[in-house]
C-alpha atoms as a PDB file:
ATOM      1  CA  UNK A   1       0.197   6.692 -11.903  1.00  0.00           C
ATOM      2  CA  UNK A   2      -3.287   7.994 -11.122  1.00  0.00           C
ATOM      3  CA  UNK A   3      -4.654  11.362 -10.177  1.00  0.00           C
ATOM      4  CA  UNK A   4      -5.489  12.432  -6.640  1.00  0.00           C
ATOM      5  CA  UNK A   5      -9.117  11.796  -5.749  1.00  0.00           C
ATOM      6  CA  UNK A   6     -11.173  14.907  -4.834  1.00  0.00           C
ATOM      7  CA  UNK A   7     -11.485  13.967  -1.115  1.00  0.00           C
ATOM      8  CA  UNK A   8      -7.731  13.393  -0.965  1.00  0.00           C
ATOM      9  CA  UNK A   9      -7.086  16.739  -2.658  1.00  0.00           C
ATOM     10  CA  UNK A  10      -9.308  18.450  -0.102  1.00  0.00           C
ATOM     11  CA  UNK A  11      -7.410  16.888   2.789  1.00  0.00           C
ATOM     12  CA  UNK A  12      -4.075  17.902   1.271  1.00  0.00           C
ATOM     13  CA  UNK A  13      -5.306  21.459   0.741  1.00  0.00           C
ATOM     14  CA  UNK A  14      -6.502  21.644   4.332  1.00  0.00           C
ATOM     15  CA  UNK A  15      -3.185  20.331   5.614  1.00  0.00           C
ATOM     16  CA  UNK A  16      -1.214  22.870   3.554  1.00  0.00           C
ATOM     17  CA  UNK A  17      -3.442  25.885   4.131  1.00  0.00           C
ATOM     18  CA  UNK A  18      -4.506  24.981   7.630  1.00  0.00           C
ATOM     19  CA  UNK A  19      -8.015  24.139   8.745  1.00  0.00           C
ATOM     20  CA  UNK A  20      -8.723  27.764   9.708  1.00  0.00           C
ATOM     21  CA  UNK A  21      -8.709  28.787   6.019  1.00  0.00           C
ATOM     22  CA  UNK A  22     -11.546  26.335   5.357  1.00  0.00           C
ATOM     23  CA  UNK A  23     -13.688  27.065   8.421  1.00  0.00           C
ATOM     24  CA  UNK A  24     -16.959  26.450   6.548  1.00  0.00           C
ATOM     25  CA  UNK A  25     -15.945  22.943   5.417  1.00  0.00           C
ATOM     26  CA  UNK A  26     -17.179  20.170   7.696  1.00  0.00           C
ATOM     27  CA  UNK A  27     -14.837  17.184   7.818  1.00  0.00           C
ATOM     28  CA  UNK A  28     -16.233  13.703   8.314  1.00  0.00           C
ATOM     29  CA  UNK A  29     -13.397  12.471  10.529  1.00  0.00           C
ATOM     30  CA  UNK A  30     -13.152   9.265   8.474  1.00  0.00           C
ATOM     31  CA  UNK A  31      -9.899   8.407   6.725  1.00  0.00           C
ATOM     32  CA  UNK A  32     -10.921   8.321   3.087  1.00  0.00           C
ATOM     33  CA  UNK A  33      -8.175   6.726   1.002  1.00  0.00           C
ATOM     34  CA  UNK A  34      -5.364   4.312   1.795  1.00  0.00           C
ATOM     35  CA  UNK A  35      -2.878   2.168  -0.110  1.00  0.00           C
ATOM     36  CA  UNK A  36      -1.252  -0.810   1.606  1.00  0.00           C
ATOM     37  CA  UNK A  37       1.701  -2.772   0.278  1.00  0.00           C
ATOM     38  CA  UNK A  38       2.433  -6.194   1.722  1.00  0.00           C
ATOM     39  CA  UNK A  39       5.288  -8.625   1.230  1.00  0.00           C
ATOM     40  CA  UNK A  40       4.690 -12.251   2.175  1.00  0.00           C
ATOM     41  CA  UNK A  41       7.874 -14.324   2.551  1.00  0.00           C
ATOM     42  CA  UNK A  42       7.735 -18.107   2.493  1.00  0.00           C
ATOM     43  CA  UNK A  43      11.038 -19.801   3.375  1.00  0.00           C
ATOM     44  CA  UNK A  44      13.131 -16.647   3.151  1.00  0.00           C
ATOM     45  CA  UNK A  45      13.090 -15.308  -0.369  1.00  0.00           C
ATOM     46  CA  UNK A  46      12.430 -18.658  -2.064  1.00  0.00           C
ATOM     47  CA  UNK A  47       8.813 -17.715  -2.539  1.00  0.00           C
ATOM     48  CA  UNK A  48       7.773 -14.065  -2.255  1.00  0.00           C
ATOM     49  CA  UNK A  49       4.302 -12.656  -2.812  1.00  0.00           C
ATOM     50  CA  UNK A  50       3.636  -8.921  -3.234  1.00  0.00           C
ATOM     51  CA  UNK A  51       0.134  -7.560  -2.648  1.00  0.00           C
ATOM     52  CA  UNK A  52      -0.860  -3.907  -3.063  1.00  0.00           C
ATOM     53  CA  UNK A  53      -4.327  -2.967  -1.834  1.00  0.00           C
ATOM     54  CA  UNK A  54      -6.231   0.216  -2.707  1.00  0.00           C
ATOM     55  CA  UNK A  55      -8.861   1.124  -0.120  1.00  0.00           C
ATOM     56  CA  UNK A  56     -11.453   3.892  -0.241  1.00  0.00           C
ATOM     57  CA  UNK A  57     -13.820   4.619   2.631  1.00  0.00           C
ATOM     58  CA  UNK A  58     -12.720   1.445   4.447  1.00  0.00           C
ATOM     59  CA  UNK A  59     -13.512  -0.795   1.461  1.00  0.00           C
ATOM     60  CA  UNK A  60     -10.919  -2.387  -0.787  1.00  0.00           C
ATOM     61  CA  UNK A  61     -11.834  -1.599  -4.374  1.00  0.00           C
ATOM     62  CA  UNK A  62      -8.859  -2.952  -6.334  1.00  0.00           C
ATOM     63  CA  UNK A  63      -5.698  -4.898  -5.566  1.00  0.00           C
ATOM     64  CA  UNK A  64      -2.579  -6.203  -7.273  1.00  0.00           C
ATOM     65  CA  UNK A  65      -1.348  -9.690  -6.426  1.00  0.00           C
ATOM     66  CA  UNK A  66       2.019 -10.788  -7.828  1.00  0.00           C
ATOM     67  CA  UNK A  67       0.827 -14.427  -7.877  1.00  0.00           C
ATOM     68  CA  UNK A  68      -2.013 -13.427 -10.224  1.00  0.00           C
ATOM     69  CA  UNK A  69       0.166 -10.941 -12.151  1.00  0.00           C
ATOM     70  CA  UNK A  70      -2.431  -8.232 -12.736  1.00  0.00           C
ATOM     71  CA  UNK A  71      -4.878  -5.931 -10.965  1.00  0.00           C
ATOM     72  CA  UNK A  72      -8.168  -7.405  -9.794  1.00  0.00           C
ATOM     73  CA  UNK A  73     -11.249  -5.278  -9.151  1.00  0.00           C
ATOM     74  CA  UNK A  74     -13.118  -5.942  -5.911  1.00  0.00           C
ATOM     75  CA  UNK A  75     -16.012  -3.544  -6.615  1.00  0.00           C
ATOM     76  CA  UNK A  76     -17.676  -2.367  -9.857  1.00  0.00           C
ATOM     77  CA  UNK A  77     -15.569   0.807  -9.770  1.00  0.00           C
ATOM     78  CA  UNK A  78     -12.475  -1.270  -8.987  1.00  0.00           C
ATOM     79  CA  UNK A  79     -13.116  -3.420 -12.052  1.00  0.00           C
ATOM     80  CA  UNK A  80     -12.992  -0.303 -14.253  1.00  0.00           C
ATOM     81  CA  UNK A  81      -9.769   0.855 -12.572  1.00  0.00           C
ATOM     82  CA  UNK A  82      -8.251  -2.628 -12.938  1.00  0.00           C
ATOM     83  CA  UNK A  83      -9.094  -2.765 -16.671  1.00  0.00           C
ATOM     84  CA  UNK A  84      -7.496   0.656 -17.187  1.00  0.00           C
ATOM     85  CA  UNK A  85      -4.306  -0.181 -15.243  1.00  0.00           C
ATOM     86  CA  UNK A  86      -4.013  -3.651 -16.803  1.00  0.00           C
ATOM     87  CA  UNK A  87      -4.186  -2.121 -20.299  1.00  0.00           C
ATOM     88  CA  UNK A  88      -0.863  -0.272 -19.834  1.00  0.00           C
ATOM     89  CA  UNK A  89       2.043  -2.731 -20.414  1.00  0.00           C
ATOM     90  CA  UNK A  90       4.698  -0.395 -18.955  1.00  0.00           C
ATOM     91  CA  UNK A  91       2.704   0.130 -15.747  1.00  0.00           C
ATOM     92  CA  UNK A  92       2.131  -3.617 -15.422  1.00  0.00           C
ATOM     93  CA  UNK A  93       5.827  -4.410 -15.889  1.00  0.00           C
ATOM     94  CA  UNK A  94       6.647  -1.862 -13.179  1.00  0.00           C
ATOM     95  CA  UNK A  95       4.095  -3.485 -10.831  1.00  0.00           C
ATOM     96  CA  UNK A  96       5.344  -7.017 -11.535  1.00  0.00           C
ATOM     97  CA  UNK A  97       8.925  -5.962 -10.777  1.00  0.00           C
ATOM     98  CA  UNK A  98       7.856  -4.740  -7.323  1.00  0.00           C
ATOM     99  CA  UNK A  99       8.548  -8.203  -5.900  1.00  0.00           C
ATOM    100  CA  UNK A 100      12.268  -7.759  -6.574  1.00  0.00           C
ATOM    101  CA  UNK A 101      12.455  -3.994  -6.202  1.00  0.00           C
ATOM    102  CA  UNK A 102      10.449  -3.698  -3.002  1.00  0.00           C
ATOM    103  CA  UNK A 103      10.178  -7.051  -1.202  1.00  0.00           C
ATOM    104  CA  UNK A 104      13.446  -8.855  -1.863  1.00  0.00           C
ATOM    105  CA  UNK A 105      15.470  -5.635  -1.594  1.00  0.00           C
ATOM    106  CA  UNK A 106      13.980  -4.752   1.798  1.00  0.00           C
ATOM    107  CA  UNK A 107      14.329  -8.350   3.007  1.00  0.00           C
ATOM    108  CA  UNK A 108      18.060  -8.242   2.289  1.00  0.00           C
ATOM    109  CA  UNK A 109      18.386  -4.929   4.136  1.00  0.00           C
ATOM    110  CA  UNK A 110      16.443  -5.997   7.224  1.00  0.00           C
ATOM    111  CA  UNK A 111      17.625  -9.622   7.545  1.00  0.00           C
ATOM    112  CA  UNK A 112      20.665  -8.857   9.735  1.00  0.00           C
ATOM    113  CA  UNK A 113      18.480  -6.922  12.179  1.00  0.00           C
ATOM    114  CA  UNK A 114      15.355  -9.063  12.193  1.00  0.00           C
ATOM    115  CA  UNK A 115      16.073 -12.660  11.165  1.00  0.00           C
ATOM    116  CA  UNK A 116      19.699 -13.204  12.179  1.00  0.00           C
ATOM    117  CA  UNK A 117      19.440 -11.503  15.562  1.00  0.00           C
ATOM    118  CA  UNK A 118      20.831 -13.901  18.176  1.00  0.00           C
ATOM    119  CA  UNK A 119      20.794 -11.765  21.324  1.00  0.00           C
ATOM    120  CA  UNK A 120      18.098 -12.946  23.740  1.00  0.00           C
ATOM    121  CA  UNK A 121      15.779 -10.184  24.841  1.00  0.00           C
ATOM    122  CA  UNK A 122      16.136  -8.905  28.382  1.00  0.00           C
ATOM    123  CA  UNK A 123      13.081  -8.155  30.464  1.00  0.00           C
ATOM    124  CA  UNK A 124      12.954  -6.062  33.589  1.00  0.00           C
ATOM    125  CA  UNK A 125       9.858  -5.593  35.687  1.00  0.00           C
ATOM    126  CA  UNK A 126       9.477  -2.655  38.031  1.00  0.00           C
ATOM    127  CA  UNK A 127       6.634  -1.262  40.068  1.00  0.00           C
END
């Protein structure tokens, strides 16, 4: 697992200490770092695709796609990160197993509530 980026560490410190402790620091108001995990299900769990996207300053810099089987860099910095993460066999095995651990597991948990729901929705309109 990686280290926390300096902007992320600053935001965490401000959240813990409170913004009043860092009154001289001007915040940009832009969300700096985000990680998104997606599960794509085709025909139930017959074909499942797991995608994990790493975004910094609204730009995706590296992503993992279970169909490809390794990290792919989307920017020059992302290419360096992808090479580093792809060089660790234990980390890659953990990432590849995310399809079963994350996607299929959650599909089985949510199927009775989402897919097999047979009650028609009721709508009421009031002024």
